């Protein structure tokens, strides 16, 4: 059994829902725009959650993903501005583009050791204050933490061999970066973190010096 695309889209009065064990799939935009929904419980039978499934559920504070979900699809929780807590099971291998973009209340997230790929803008504009990317991650895409204005500390373990230079772009509070041993060659590309974005420099250009781009970083551990 599945919950079809757009099935509850825009149901503004829906506050809580418990998905029965008979459901195995939630299709794209199924609960998009349910701006009164504050909690949802997913059973372990749910293996697939489609793109934009909970887009702009602005009152959603907590969600527990089932233990059989393997991918958090593109923009699944984009614009969930009240989301404070999410439990990601150790079956998840990929967090896709914009998955948690603009989740401004999300201060902390524990990424599982099963994770291998983090997509473009996955946490763009979120409220993260610190993040630890596990050793299992082999690909970190473009602008993953762009505009995370409250991010102060980031740890990236040793499995990633290449980093996009806009990874921490405009993370104006970032003070500490801890890098794994396999990332040294990409270090200089990583450091474009605090230069203000303007209409004349989009996409942002690579800095000519590290000093102007990294004035707030006080610790860099390799």
C-alpha atoms as a PDB file:
ATOM      1  CA  UNK A   1       0.000   0.000   0.000  1.00  0.00           C
ATOM      2  CA  UNK A   2       1.184   3.522  -0.739  1.00  0.00           C
ATOM      3  CA  UNK A   3       0.171   7.104  -0.093  1.00  0.00           C
ATOM      4  CA  UNK A   4      -0.197   8.642  -3.520  1.00  0.00           C
ATOM      5  CA  UNK A   5       1.377  11.797  -4.925  1.00  0.00           C
ATOM      6  CA  UNK A   6      -0.281  14.990  -3.611  1.00  0.00           C
ATOM      7  CA  UNK A   7      -2.765  12.912  -1.582  1.00  0.00           C
ATOM      8  CA  UNK A   8      -2.820  15.242   1.432  1.00  0.00           C
ATOM      9  CA  UNK A   9      -1.152  18.231  -0.184  1.00  0.00           C
ATOM     10  CA  UNK A  10      -2.296  21.524   1.302  1.00  0.00           C
ATOM     11  CA  UNK A  11      -4.430  19.956   4.077  1.00  0.00           C
ATOM     12  CA  UNK A  12      -3.957  22.955   6.346  1.00  0.00           C
ATOM     13  CA  UNK A  13      -5.921  21.545   9.317  1.00  0.00           C
ATOM     14  CA  UNK A  14      -4.043  18.234   9.558  1.00  0.00           C
ATOM     15  CA  UNK A  15      -2.038  18.284  12.807  1.00  0.00           C
ATOM     16  CA  UNK A  16      -0.940  14.688  13.462  1.00  0.00           C
ATOM     17  CA  UNK A  17      -0.834  11.470  11.510  1.00  0.00           C
ATOM     18  CA  UNK A  18       0.264   7.927  12.275  1.00  0.00           C
ATOM     19  CA  UNK A  19       1.029   5.881   9.196  1.00  0.00           C
ATOM     20  CA  UNK A  20      -0.221   2.259   9.470  1.00  0.00           C
ATOM     21  CA  UNK A  21       2.059  -0.755   9.007  1.00  0.00           C
ATOM     22  CA  UNK A  22       0.366  -1.563   5.721  1.00  0.00           C
ATOM     23  CA  UNK A  23       2.048   1.436   4.030  1.00  0.00           C
ATOM     24  CA  UNK A  24       5.356   0.818   2.261  1.00  0.00           C
ATOM     25  CA  UNK A  25       5.703   3.993   0.190  1.00  0.00           C
ATOM     26  CA  UNK A  26       4.925   7.706   0.545  1.00  0.00           C
ATOM     27  CA  UNK A  27       4.995   9.297  -2.885  1.00  0.00           C
ATOM     28  CA  UNK A  28       6.182  12.764  -3.825  1.00  0.00           C
ATOM     29  CA  UNK A  29       4.466  15.829  -2.315  1.00  0.00           C
ATOM     30  CA  UNK A  30       2.080  13.581  -0.376  1.00  0.00           C
ATOM     31  CA  UNK A  31       1.988  15.972   2.599  1.00  0.00           C
ATOM     32  CA  UNK A  32       3.410  19.083   0.953  1.00  0.00           C
ATOM     33  CA  UNK A  33       2.109  22.317   2.439  1.00  0.00           C
ATOM     34  CA  UNK A  34       0.410  20.726   5.458  1.00  0.00           C
ATOM     35  CA  UNK A  35       1.427  23.693   7.561  1.00  0.00           C
ATOM     36  CA  UNK A  36      -0.353  22.574  10.754  1.00  0.00           C
ATOM     37  CA  UNK A  37       1.223  19.107  10.824  1.00  0.00           C
ATOM     38  CA  UNK A  38       3.522  18.979  13.867  1.00  0.00           C
ATOM     39  CA  UNK A  39       4.426  15.315  14.238  1.00  0.00           C
ATOM     40  CA  UNK A  40       4.428  12.207  12.109  1.00  0.00           C
ATOM     41  CA  UNK A  41       5.283   8.631  13.007  1.00  0.00           C
ATOM     42  CA  UNK A  42       6.483   6.343  10.236  1.00  0.00           C
ATOM     43  CA  UNK A  43       6.462   2.558  10.672  1.00  0.00           C
ATOM     44  CA  UNK A  44       9.424   0.391   9.689  1.00  0.00           C
ATOM     45  CA  UNK A  45       7.399  -0.864   6.723  1.00  0.00           C
ATOM     46  CA  UNK A  46       7.897   2.458   4.897  1.00  0.00           C
ATOM     47  CA  UNK A  47      10.879   1.967   2.597  1.00  0.00           C
ATOM     48  CA  UNK A  48      10.404   4.876   0.175  1.00  0.00           C
ATOM     49  CA  UNK A  49       9.633   8.549   0.840  1.00  0.00           C
ATOM     50  CA  UNK A  50       9.280  10.601  -2.331  1.00  0.00           C
ATOM     51  CA  UNK A  51      10.681  14.011  -3.198  1.00  0.00           C
ATOM     52  CA  UNK A  52       8.914  16.995  -1.622  1.00  0.00           C
ATOM     53  CA  UNK A  53       6.880  14.600   0.565  1.00  0.00           C
ATOM     54  CA  UNK A  54       6.898  17.015   3.526  1.00  0.00           C
ATOM     55  CA  UNK A  55       7.829  20.221   1.730  1.00  0.00           C
ATOM     56  CA  UNK A  56       6.866  23.403   3.605  1.00  0.00           C
ATOM     57  CA  UNK A  57       5.295  21.573   6.541  1.00  0.00           C
ATOM     58  CA  UNK A  58       6.142  24.651   8.561  1.00  0.00           C
ATOM     59  CA  UNK A  59       4.853  23.355  11.928  1.00  0.00           C
ATOM     60  CA  UNK A  60       6.498  19.926  11.766  1.00  0.00           C
ATOM     61  CA  UNK A  61       8.822  19.591  14.779  1.00  0.00           C
ATOM     62  CA  UNK A  62       9.695  15.912  14.941  1.00  0.00           C
ATOM     63  CA  UNK A  63       9.794  12.906  12.669  1.00  0.00           C
ATOM     64  CA  UNK A  64      11.122   9.398  13.074  1.00  0.00           C
ATOM     65  CA  UNK A  65      12.020   7.690   9.823  1.00  0.00           C
ATOM     66  CA  UNK A  66      11.379   3.979   9.528  1.00  0.00           C
ATOM     67  CA  UNK A  67      14.314   1.610   9.895  1.00  0.00           C
ATOM     68  CA  UNK A  68      14.116   0.466   6.271  1.00  0.00           C
ATOM     69  CA  UNK A  69      14.436   3.834   4.502  1.00  0.00           C
ATOM     70  CA  UNK A  70      17.607   3.931   2.388  1.00  0.00           C
ATOM     71  CA  UNK A  71      17.382   7.344   0.687  1.00  0.00           C
ATOM     72  CA  UNK A  72      16.133  10.763   1.787  1.00  0.00           C
ATOM     73  CA  UNK A  73      14.964  12.085  -1.550  1.00  0.00           C
ATOM     74  CA  UNK A  74      15.397  15.571  -2.992  1.00  0.00           C
ATOM     75  CA  UNK A  75      13.632  18.367  -1.089  1.00  0.00           C
ATOM     76  CA  UNK A  76      11.821  15.913   1.197  1.00  0.00           C
ATOM     77  CA  UNK A  77      11.878  18.340   4.140  1.00  0.00           C
ATOM     78  CA  UNK A  78      12.672  21.606   2.388  1.00  0.00           C
ATOM     79  CA  UNK A  79      11.119  24.590   4.132  1.00  0.00           C
ATOM     80  CA  UNK A  80      10.219  22.689   7.320  1.00  0.00           C
ATOM     81  CA  UNK A  81      11.178  25.713   9.370  1.00  0.00           C
ATOM     82  CA  UNK A  82      10.080  24.291  12.749  1.00  0.00           C
ATOM     83  CA  UNK A  83      11.790  20.896  12.400  1.00  0.00           C
ATOM     84  CA  UNK A  84      13.945  20.375  15.494  1.00  0.00           C
ATOM     85  CA  UNK A  85      14.458  16.637  15.640  1.00  0.00           C
ATOM     86  CA  UNK A  86      14.767  13.858  13.093  1.00  0.00           C
ATOM     87  CA  UNK A  87      15.911  10.299  13.604  1.00  0.00           C
ATOM     88  CA  UNK A  88      17.834   8.949  10.606  1.00  0.00           C
ATOM     89  CA  UNK A  89      18.235   5.149  10.672  1.00  0.00           C
ATOM     90  CA  UNK A  90      21.513   3.392   9.899  1.00  0.00           C
ATOM     91  CA  UNK A  91      19.999   2.056   6.671  1.00  0.00           C
ATOM     92  CA  UNK A  92      20.172   5.466   4.936  1.00  0.00           C
ATOM     93  CA  UNK A  93      22.963   5.676   2.356  1.00  0.00           C
ATOM     94  CA  UNK A  94      22.078   8.920   0.566  1.00  0.00           C
ATOM     95  CA  UNK A  95      20.722  12.349   1.467  1.00  0.00           C
ATOM     96  CA  UNK A  96      19.702  13.989  -1.798  1.00  0.00           C
ATOM     97  CA  UNK A  97      19.662  17.584  -3.041  1.00  0.00           C
ATOM     98  CA  UNK A  98      17.927  20.191  -0.838  1.00  0.00           C
ATOM     99  CA  UNK A  99      16.665  17.463   1.526  1.00  0.00           C
ATOM    100  CA  UNK A 100      16.863  19.669   4.639  1.00  0.00           C
ATOM    101  CA  UNK A 101      17.253  23.057   2.996  1.00  0.00           C
ATOM    102  CA  UNK A 102      15.810  25.971   4.988  1.00  0.00           C
ATOM    103  CA  UNK A 103      15.184  23.861   8.107  1.00  0.00           C
ATOM    104  CA  UNK A 104      16.146  26.793  10.303  1.00  0.00           C
ATOM    105  CA  UNK A 105      15.187  25.171  13.630  1.00  0.00           C
ATOM    106  CA  UNK A 106      17.308  22.083  13.014  1.00  0.00           C
ATOM    107  CA  UNK A 107      20.296  22.688  15.293  1.00  0.00           C
ATOM    108  CA  UNK A 108      21.749  19.192  15.430  1.00  0.00           C
ATOM    109  CA  UNK A 109      21.587  16.059  13.334  1.00  0.00           C
ATOM    110  CA  UNK A 110      23.285  12.700  13.756  1.00  0.00           C
ATOM    111  CA  UNK A 111      24.371  11.288  10.423  1.00  0.00           C
ATOM    112  CA  UNK A 112      24.550   7.478  10.365  1.00  0.00           C
ATOM    113  CA  UNK A 113      27.668   5.478   9.551  1.00  0.00           C
ATOM    114  CA  UNK A 114      25.804   3.954   6.594  1.00  0.00           C
ATOM    115  CA  UNK A 115      25.696   7.307   4.767  1.00  0.00           C
ATOM    116  CA  UNK A 116      27.818   7.540   1.600  1.00  0.00           C
ATOM    117  CA  UNK A 117      26.449  10.500  -0.416  1.00  0.00           C
ATOM    118  CA  UNK A 118      25.272  14.006   0.537  1.00  0.00           C
ATOM    119  CA  UNK A 119      23.635  15.904  -2.335  1.00  0.00           C
ATOM    120  CA  UNK A 120      23.747  19.530  -3.490  1.00  0.00           C
ATOM    121  CA  UNK A 121      22.416  22.111  -1.012  1.00  0.00           C
ATOM    122  CA  UNK A 122      21.294  19.285   1.312  1.00  0.00           C
ATOM    123  CA  UNK A 123      21.468  21.480   4.449  1.00  0.00           C
ATOM    124  CA  UNK A 124      21.498  24.885   2.782  1.00  0.00           C
ATOM    125  CA  UNK A 125      20.171  27.606   5.070  1.00  0.00           C
ATOM    126  CA  UNK A 126      19.542  25.204   7.952  1.00  0.00           C
ATOM    127  CA  UNK A 127      20.063  26.062  11.626  1.00  0.00           C
ATOM    128  CA  UNK A 128      22.855  23.563  12.283  1.00  0.00           C
ATOM    129  CA  UNK A 129      25.386  24.636  14.912  1.00  0.00           C
ATOM    130  CA  UNK A 130      27.772  21.705  14.447  1.00  0.00           C
ATOM    131  CA  UNK A 131      28.046  18.703  12.168  1.00  0.00           C
ATOM    132  CA  UNK A 132      30.084  15.515  12.030  1.00  0.00           C
ATOM    133  CA  UNK A 133      30.269  13.778   8.664  1.00  0.00           C
ATOM    134  CA  UNK A 134      31.084  10.099   9.209  1.00  0.00           C
ATOM    135  CA  UNK A 135      33.938   8.186   7.575  1.00  0.00           C
ATOM    136  CA  UNK A 136      31.484   6.257   5.418  1.00  0.00           C
ATOM    137  CA  UNK A 137      30.707   9.348   3.295  1.00  0.00           C
ATOM    138  CA  UNK A 138      32.577   9.268  -0.015  1.00  0.00           C
ATOM    139  CA  UNK A 139      30.831  12.125  -1.843  1.00  0.00           C
ATOM    140  CA  UNK A 140      29.898  15.579  -0.572  1.00  0.00           C
ATOM    141  CA  UNK A 141      28.287  17.653  -3.316  1.00  0.00           C
ATOM    142  CA  UNK A 142      28.090  21.408  -3.999  1.00  0.00           C
ATOM    143  CA  UNK A 143      26.933  24.012  -1.481  1.00  0.00           C
ATOM    144  CA  UNK A 144      25.873  21.427   1.095  1.00  0.00           C
ATOM    145  CA  UNK A 145      26.110  23.820   4.072  1.00  0.00           C
ATOM    146  CA  UNK A 146      25.759  27.089   2.193  1.00  0.00           C
ATOM    147  CA  UNK A 147      24.211  29.911   4.255  1.00  0.00           C
ATOM    148  CA  UNK A 148      24.231  27.929   7.505  1.00  0.00           C
ATOM    149  CA  UNK A 149      24.693  31.114   9.495  1.00  0.00           C
ATOM    150  CA  UNK A 150      24.822  29.449  12.938  1.00  0.00           C
ATOM    151  CA  UNK A 151      27.272  26.666  12.032  1.00  0.00           C
ATOM    152  CA  UNK A 152      30.356  27.008  14.247  1.00  0.00           C
ATOM    153  CA  UNK A 153      32.099  23.646  13.954  1.00  0.00           C
ATOM    154  CA  UNK A 154      32.391  20.978  11.256  1.00  0.00           C
ATOM    155  CA  UNK A 155      34.187  17.642  11.209  1.00  0.00           C
ATOM    156  CA  UNK A 156      34.737  15.755   7.955  1.00  0.00           C
ATOM    157  CA  UNK A 157      36.283  12.322   8.253  1.00  0.00           C
ATOM    158  CA  UNK A 158      38.848  10.737   5.976  1.00  0.00           C
ATOM    159  CA  UNK A 159      36.904   8.959   3.247  1.00  0.00           C
ATOM    160  CA  UNK A 160      36.178  12.073   1.148  1.00  0.00           C
ATOM    161  CA  UNK A 161      38.953  12.888  -1.333  1.00  0.00           C
ATOM    162  CA  UNK A 162      37.463  16.042  -2.879  1.00  0.00           C
ATOM    163  CA  UNK A 163      35.469  18.972  -1.538  1.00  0.00           C
ATOM    164  CA  UNK A 164      33.597  21.703  -3.345  1.00  0.00           C
ATOM    165  CA  UNK A 165      35.033  25.138  -2.538  1.00  0.00           C
ATOM    166  CA  UNK A 166      31.515  26.417  -1.791  1.00  0.00           C
ATOM    167  CA  UNK A 167      30.839  23.713   0.789  1.00  0.00           C
ATOM    168  CA  UNK A 168      30.721  26.233   3.661  1.00  0.00           C
ATOM    169  CA  UNK A 169      29.971  29.335   1.612  1.00  0.00           C
ATOM    170  CA  UNK A 170      28.598  32.199   3.726  1.00  0.00           C
ATOM    171  CA  UNK A 171      28.836  30.192   6.961  1.00  0.00           C
ATOM    172  CA  UNK A 172      29.697  33.372   8.797  1.00  0.00           C
ATOM    173  CA  UNK A 173      29.926  31.822  12.290  1.00  0.00           C
ATOM    174  CA  UNK A 174      32.182  28.910  11.317  1.00  0.00           C
ATOM    175  CA  UNK A 175      35.262  28.836  13.552  1.00  0.00           C
ATOM    176  CA  UNK A 176      36.520  25.244  13.582  1.00  0.00           C
ATOM    177  CA  UNK A 177      36.997  22.755  10.741  1.00  0.00           C
ATOM    178  CA  UNK A 178      38.434  19.304  11.375  1.00  0.00           C
ATOM    179  CA  UNK A 179      39.463  17.467   8.203  1.00  0.00           C
ATOM    180  CA  UNK A 180      40.346  13.832   7.665  1.00  0.00           C
ATOM    181  CA  UNK A 181      43.751  12.884   6.284  1.00  0.00           C
ATOM    182  CA  UNK A 182      42.453  12.272   2.762  1.00  0.00           C
ATOM    183  CA  UNK A 183      41.257  15.843   2.290  1.00  0.00           C
ATOM    184  CA  UNK A 184      44.529  17.789   2.510  1.00  0.00           C
ATOM    185  CA  UNK A 185      44.814  18.350  -1.244  1.00  0.00           C
ATOM    186  CA  UNK A 186      41.388  19.961  -1.289  1.00  0.00           C
ATOM    187  CA  UNK A 187      41.948  22.168   1.734  1.00  0.00           C
ATOM    188  CA  UNK A 188      42.379  25.471  -0.115  1.00  0.00           C
ATOM    189  CA  UNK A 189      39.208  24.910  -2.152  1.00  0.00           C
ATOM    190  CA  UNK A 190      37.267  24.364   1.054  1.00  0.00           C
ATOM    191  CA  UNK A 191      38.086  27.701   2.588  1.00  0.00           C
ATOM    192  CA  UNK A 192      35.711  30.005   0.712  1.00  0.00           C
ATOM    193  CA  UNK A 193      33.334  30.236   3.638  1.00  0.00           C
ATOM    194  CA  UNK A 194      32.454  33.758   4.666  1.00  0.00           C
ATOM    195  CA  UNK A 195      32.727  36.058   1.659  1.00  0.00           C
ATOM    196  CA  UNK A 196      29.365  37.857   1.254  1.00  0.00           C
ATOM    197  CA  UNK A 197      27.320  36.890  -1.771  1.00  0.00           C
ATOM    198  CA  UNK A 198      26.426  39.635  -4.232  1.00  0.00           C
ATOM    199  CA  UNK A 199      24.509  39.669  -7.473  1.00  0.00           C
ATOM    200  CA  UNK A 200      27.687  40.349  -9.404  1.00  0.00           C
ATOM    201  CA  UNK A 201      29.502  37.282  -8.043  1.00  0.00           C
ATOM    202  CA  UNK A 202      27.144  34.378  -8.574  1.00  0.00           C
ATOM    203  CA  UNK A 203      28.275  31.692  -8.721  1.00  0.00           C
ATOM    204  CA  UNK A 204      30.916  32.854  -6.248  1.00  0.00           C
ATOM    205  CA  UNK A 205      34.460  33.091  -7.578  1.00  0.00           C
ATOM    206  CA  UNK A 206      37.328  31.261  -6.002  1.00  0.00           C
ATOM    207  CA  UNK A 207      39.259  33.612  -3.698  1.00  0.00           C
ATOM    208  CA  UNK A 208      42.677  34.852  -4.749  1.00  0.00           C
ATOM    209  CA  UNK A 209      43.889  34.579  -1.157  1.00  0.00           C
ATOM    210  CA  UNK A 210      42.720  32.489   1.752  1.00  0.00           C
ATOM    211  CA  UNK A 211      42.894  35.372   4.206  1.00  0.00           C
ATOM    212  CA  UNK A 212      40.019  37.440   2.809  1.00  0.00           C
ATOM    213  CA  UNK A 213      37.730  34.421   2.617  1.00  0.00           C
ATOM    214  CA  UNK A 214      38.503  32.908   6.009  1.00  0.00           C
ATOM    215  CA  UNK A 215      38.768  35.732   8.495  1.00  0.00           C
ATOM    216  CA  UNK A 216      36.567  34.064  11.112  1.00  0.00           C
ATOM    217  CA  UNK A 217      38.150  30.602  11.157  1.00  0.00           C
ATOM    218  CA  UNK A 218      40.366  30.293  14.205  1.00  0.00           C
ATOM    219  CA  UNK A 219      41.112  26.575  14.054  1.00  0.00           C
ATOM    220  CA  UNK A 220      41.804  24.253  11.157  1.00  0.00           C
ATOM    221  CA  UNK A 221      42.791  20.696  12.042  1.00  0.00           C
ATOM    222  CA  UNK A 222      44.208  18.357   9.399  1.00  0.00           C
END
